[in-house]
Amino acid sequence: MKEVPGSLWTTDKPAAVTVHNENGSSPLLIVVDHAGNSTPHALGRLGVTESEYLSHIAWDIGGAEVSRVLAEALDATLA
């Protein structure tokens, strides 16, 4: 088994977690997993082909955009 370095996420990748509307007035917190398809370099493509990586197999296409619209409409925080 290949060892993985202590820190998987490097500064040349998008943030693993983003927060939108952090100071929203709603008591709701919207959490969306699989909103992107970025993975740490140390993990490579996890055996997924490039075309699959760009498809729904690797992420929920549109999830980030829909959740941002919902967070704005509800004035809720999105993470």
Protein backbone atom coordinates (compact mmCIF):
# COMPACT_ATOMS: atom_id res chain seq x y z
CA MET A 1 0.00 0.00 0.00
CA LYS A 2 1.33 3.42 -0.96
CA GLU A 3 1.75 5.85 1.92
CA VAL A 4 0.01 9.19 1.60
CA PRO A 5 1.84 12.31 2.82
CA GLY A 6 0.59 14.00 6.00
CA SER A 7 -1.01 16.92 4.17
CA LEU A 8 -2.99 15.96 1.09
CA TRP A 9 -4.26 19.38 0.05
CA THR A 10 -1.71 21.79 -1.40
CA THR A 11 -1.98 25.49 -2.15
CA ASP A 12 -2.19 24.93 -5.91
CA LYS A 13 -5.63 23.31 -5.61
CA PRO A 14 -8.97 25.00 -4.91
CA ALA A 15 -10.00 25.03 -1.27
CA ALA A 16 -11.47 21.72 -0.09
CA VAL A 17 -14.31 23.63 1.58
CA THR A 18 -15.75 27.00 0.65
CA VAL A 19 -18.24 29.14 2.55
CA HIS A 20 -20.81 31.33 0.84
CA ASN A 21 -22.98 33.93 2.59
CA GLU A 22 -21.13 33.33 5.86
CA ASN A 23 -23.14 35.99 7.71
CA GLY A 24 -26.57 34.97 6.44
CA SER A 25 -29.43 35.79 8.81
CA SER A 26 -31.15 32.40 8.46
CA PRO A 27 -30.60 29.77 11.16
CA LEU A 28 -30.17 27.24 8.34
CA LEU A 29 -26.81 25.85 7.26
CA ILE A 30 -26.72 24.35 3.78
CA VAL A 31 -24.04 21.71 3.23
CA VAL A 32 -23.33 20.28 -0.21
CA ASP A 33 -20.90 17.44 -0.72
CA HIS A 34 -19.56 16.51 -4.16
CA ALA A 35 -20.05 20.08 -5.41
CA GLY A 36 -16.72 19.90 -7.26
CA ASN A 37 -14.34 17.34 -8.68
CA SER A 38 -11.00 18.52 -7.33
CA THR A 39 -8.81 15.91 -5.63
CA PRO A 40 -5.40 16.16 -3.93
CA HIS A 41 -2.44 15.57 -6.30
CA ALA A 42 -1.20 12.79 -4.03
CA LEU A 43 -4.31 10.75 -4.82
CA GLY A 44 -4.11 11.20 -8.59
CA ARG A 45 -7.36 10.47 -10.40
CA LEU A 46 -8.25 7.54 -8.12
CA GLY A 47 -8.43 5.25 -11.15
CA VAL A 48 -11.11 7.35 -12.85
CA THR A 49 -10.58 8.28 -16.51
CA GLU A 50 -10.46 11.94 -17.56
CA SER A 51 -13.86 11.76 -19.29
CA GLU A 52 -15.41 10.12 -16.22
CA TYR A 53 -13.73 12.72 -14.00
CA LEU A 54 -15.58 15.44 -15.90
CA SER A 55 -18.91 13.59 -15.69
CA HIS A 56 -21.41 12.95 -12.93
CA ILE A 57 -19.30 10.01 -11.70
CA ALA A 58 -16.85 12.41 -10.01
CA TRP A 59 -19.15 15.17 -8.81
CA ASP A 60 -22.70 16.46 -8.69
CA ILE A 61 -22.72 18.76 -11.68
CA GLY A 62 -24.73 21.88 -10.92
CA GLY A 63 -24.84 21.23 -7.18
CA ALA A 64 -22.67 24.23 -6.32
CA GLU A 65 -24.68 26.63 -8.46
CA VAL A 66 -28.08 25.43 -7.23
CA SER A 67 -26.97 25.58 -3.59
CA ARG A 68 -25.66 29.15 -4.01
CA VAL A 69 -29.01 30.27 -5.44
CA LEU A 70 -30.81 28.53 -2.57
CA ALA A 71 -28.49 30.10 0.03
CA GLU A 72 -29.13 33.54 -1.42
CA ALA A 73 -32.91 33.02 -1.53
CA LEU A 74 -32.97 31.83 2.10
CA ASP A 75 -30.18 34.15 3.29
CA ALA A 76 -28.53 31.02 4.67
CA THR A 77 -24.87 30.08 5.04
CA LEU A 78 -23.56 27.54 2.53
CA ALA A 79 -20.57 25.31 3.27
